Amino acid sequence: NQNKVTIENESNNRKFFNLVQQVTKNEEKKGLRVFGMTDYFFENDLVDEIVDYDCRIPRKYNKPILSICVYSDKYIKQLSENQIRKLMLTHKKVGFN
């Protein structure tokens, strides 16, 4: 699948954290909020990949980062009961509206 997203890339993780450090320092900010929209994964048949990835990423960082995972209502309905359970157990807070 040529649309396959490489999720486990240490070099990209390092670049991301370096960028966070640079932005927070240069902009005199206390930290960074990251909103992760998952629509792309659902639209490109990568549902298992996003659920597995989302369950593996750290919930706490040694950097001033707050990450928020966002699942659209129309896509969350496509998840199995087991996938929803996995996501709920691996996230500190879960909200619905």
C-alpha atoms as a PDB file:
ATOM      1  CA  ASN A   1       0.000   0.000   0.000  1.00  0.00           C
ATOM      2  CA  GLN A   2       1.788   3.128  -1.175  1.00  0.00           C
ATOM      3  CA  ASN A   3      -0.401   5.309   1.070  1.00  0.00           C
ATOM      4  CA  LYS A   4       0.927   3.468   4.109  1.00  0.00           C
ATOM      5  CA  VAL A   5       2.031   5.898   6.779  1.00  0.00           C
ATOM      6  CA  THR A   6       5.300   5.213   8.556  1.00  0.00           C
ATOM      7  CA  ILE A   7       4.428   5.648  12.176  1.00  0.00           C
ATOM      8  CA  GLU A   8       7.487   4.343  13.977  1.00  0.00           C
ATOM      9  CA  ASN A   9      10.199   6.674  12.806  1.00  0.00           C
ATOM     10  CA  GLU A  10      12.622   7.687  15.531  1.00  0.00           C
ATOM     11  CA  SER A  11      14.213  10.373  13.374  1.00  0.00           C
ATOM     12  CA  ASN A  12      10.841  12.069  12.838  1.00  0.00           C
ATOM     13  CA  ASN A  13      10.080  11.855  16.559  1.00  0.00           C
ATOM     14  CA  ARG A  14      13.382  13.551  17.356  1.00  0.00           C
ATOM     15  CA  LYS A  15      12.712  16.241  14.736  1.00  0.00           C
ATOM     16  CA  PHE A  16       9.256  16.825  16.186  1.00  0.00           C
ATOM     17  CA  PHE A  17      10.522  17.205  19.764  1.00  0.00           C
ATOM     18  CA  ASN A  18      13.352  19.474  18.607  1.00  0.00           C
ATOM     19  CA  LEU A  19      10.797  21.608  16.783  1.00  0.00           C
ATOM     20  CA  VAL A  20       8.630  21.785  19.911  1.00  0.00           C
ATOM     21  CA  GLN A  21      11.627  22.897  21.947  1.00  0.00           C
ATOM     22  CA  GLN A  22      12.610  25.492  19.341  1.00  0.00           C
ATOM     23  CA  VAL A  23       9.080  26.906  18.959  1.00  0.00           C
ATOM     24  CA  THR A  24       8.429  27.108  22.701  1.00  0.00           C
ATOM     25  CA  LYS A  25      11.786  28.823  23.240  1.00  0.00           C
ATOM     26  CA  ASN A  26      11.629  31.241  20.264  1.00  0.00           C
ATOM     27  CA  GLU A  27       7.977  32.154  20.768  1.00  0.00           C
ATOM     28  CA  GLU A  28       8.335  32.308  24.563  1.00  0.00           C
ATOM     29  CA  LYS A  29       5.509  29.807  24.949  1.00  0.00           C
ATOM     30  CA  LYS A  30       5.091  27.355  27.789  1.00  0.00           C
ATOM     31  CA  GLY A  31       4.279  24.404  25.573  1.00  0.00           C
ATOM     32  CA  LEU A  32       2.448  23.055  22.583  1.00  0.00           C
ATOM     33  CA  ARG A  33      -1.002  21.540  21.997  1.00  0.00           C
ATOM     34  CA  VAL A  34      -1.293  18.966  19.250  1.00  0.00           C
ATOM     35  CA  PHE A  35      -4.689  17.976  17.836  1.00  0.00           C
ATOM     36  CA  GLY A  36      -4.508  14.697  15.941  1.00  0.00           C
ATOM     37  CA  MET A  37      -7.339  14.278  13.462  1.00  0.00           C
ATOM     38  CA  THR A  38      -7.759  10.648  12.464  1.00  0.00           C
ATOM     39  CA  ASP A  39      -9.988  11.175   9.409  1.00  0.00           C
ATOM     40  CA  TYR A  40      -7.145  10.495   6.944  1.00  0.00           C
ATOM     41  CA  PHE A  41      -6.664   6.986   8.319  1.00  0.00           C
ATOM     42  CA  PHE A  42     -10.330   6.087   8.029  1.00  0.00           C
ATOM     43  CA  GLU A  43     -10.599   7.542   4.531  1.00  0.00           C
ATOM     44  CA  ASN A  44      -7.553   5.533   3.377  1.00  0.00           C
ATOM     45  CA  ASP A  45      -8.468   2.183   4.961  1.00  0.00           C
ATOM     46  CA  LEU A  46      -5.805   2.464   7.688  1.00  0.00           C
ATOM     47  CA  VAL A  47      -8.104   1.966  10.663  1.00  0.00           C
ATOM     48  CA  ASP A  48      -6.091  -0.820  12.327  1.00  0.00           C
ATOM     49  CA  GLU A  49      -2.902   1.226  11.893  1.00  0.00           C
ATOM     50  CA  ILE A  50      -4.283   4.333  13.610  1.00  0.00           C
ATOM     51  CA  VAL A  51      -5.814   2.369  16.482  1.00  0.00           C
ATOM     52  CA  ASP A  52      -2.567   0.431  17.051  1.00  0.00           C
ATOM     53  CA  TYR A  53      -0.479   3.606  16.816  1.00  0.00           C
ATOM     54  CA  ASP A  54      -2.788   5.623  19.026  1.00  0.00           C
ATOM     55  CA  CYS A  55      -2.601   2.932  21.706  1.00  0.00           C
ATOM     56  CA  ARG A  56       1.229   2.881  21.579  1.00  0.00           C
ATOM     57  CA  ILE A  57       2.136   6.573  21.733  1.00  0.00           C
ATOM     58  CA  PRO A  58       3.181   7.858  25.146  1.00  0.00           C
ATOM     59  CA  ARG A  59       0.534   9.611  27.217  1.00  0.00           C
ATOM     60  CA  LYS A  60       3.133  11.721  28.998  1.00  0.00           C
ATOM     61  CA  TYR A  61       6.102  13.473  27.475  1.00  0.00           C
ATOM     62  CA  ASN A  62       9.232  14.948  28.994  1.00  0.00           C
ATOM     63  CA  LYS A  63       8.393  18.023  26.941  1.00  0.00           C
ATOM     64  CA  PRO A  64       5.617  20.596  27.438  1.00  0.00           C
ATOM     65  CA  ILE A  65       3.189  18.909  25.033  1.00  0.00           C
ATOM     66  CA  LEU A  66      -0.514  18.231  25.327  1.00  0.00           C
ATOM     67  CA  SER A  67      -1.791  15.877  22.651  1.00  0.00           C
ATOM     68  CA  ILE A  68      -5.465  15.453  21.866  1.00  0.00           C
ATOM     69  CA  CYS A  69      -6.655  12.626  19.624  1.00  0.00           C
ATOM     70  CA  VAL A  70      -9.817  13.400  17.684  1.00  0.00           C
ATOM     71  CA  TYR A  71     -12.106  10.768  16.208  1.00  0.00           C
ATOM     72  CA  SER A  72     -15.094  12.009  14.205  1.00  0.00           C
ATOM     73  CA  ASP A  73     -18.434  10.549  15.198  1.00  0.00           C
ATOM     74  CA  LYS A  74     -19.003   9.092  11.721  1.00  0.00           C
ATOM     75  CA  TYR A  75     -15.682   7.216  11.899  1.00  0.00           C
ATOM     76  CA  ILE A  76     -15.759   6.053  15.495  1.00  0.00           C
ATOM     77  CA  LYS A  77     -18.917   4.125  14.571  1.00  0.00           C
ATOM     78  CA  GLN A  78     -16.745   2.002  12.242  1.00  0.00           C
ATOM     79  CA  LEU A  79     -14.583   0.741  15.101  1.00  0.00           C
ATOM     80  CA  SER A  80     -15.166  -2.623  16.682  1.00  0.00           C
ATOM     81  CA  GLU A  81     -16.077  -2.865  20.348  1.00  0.00           C
ATOM     82  CA  ASN A  82     -12.574  -4.218  21.039  1.00  0.00           C
ATOM     83  CA  GLN A  83     -10.903  -1.269  19.250  1.00  0.00           C
ATOM     84  CA  ILE A  84     -12.979   1.231  21.231  1.00  0.00           C
ATOM     85  CA  ARG A  85     -12.127  -0.584  24.465  1.00  0.00           C
ATOM     86  CA  LYS A  86      -8.399  -0.487  23.601  1.00  0.00           C
ATOM     87  CA  LEU A  87      -8.535   3.244  22.898  1.00  0.00           C
ATOM     88  CA  MET A  88     -10.436   3.987  26.092  1.00  0.00           C
ATOM     89  CA  LEU A  89      -8.040   1.947  28.236  1.00  0.00           C
ATOM     90  CA  THR A  90      -4.921   3.597  26.801  1.00  0.00           C
ATOM     91  CA  HIS A  91      -6.083   7.225  27.037  1.00  0.00           C
ATOM     92  CA  LYS A  92      -6.029   9.209  30.247  1.00  0.00           C
ATOM     93  CA  LYS A  93      -9.286  11.021  29.463  1.00  0.00           C
ATOM     94  CA  VAL A  94     -12.020  10.222  26.980  1.00  0.00           C
ATOM     95  CA  GLY A  95     -14.748  12.646  25.997  1.00  0.00           C
ATOM     96  CA  PHE A  96     -17.860  12.288  23.908  1.00  0.00           C
ATOM     97  CA  ASN A  97     -20.321  14.812  22.580  1.00  0.00           C
END
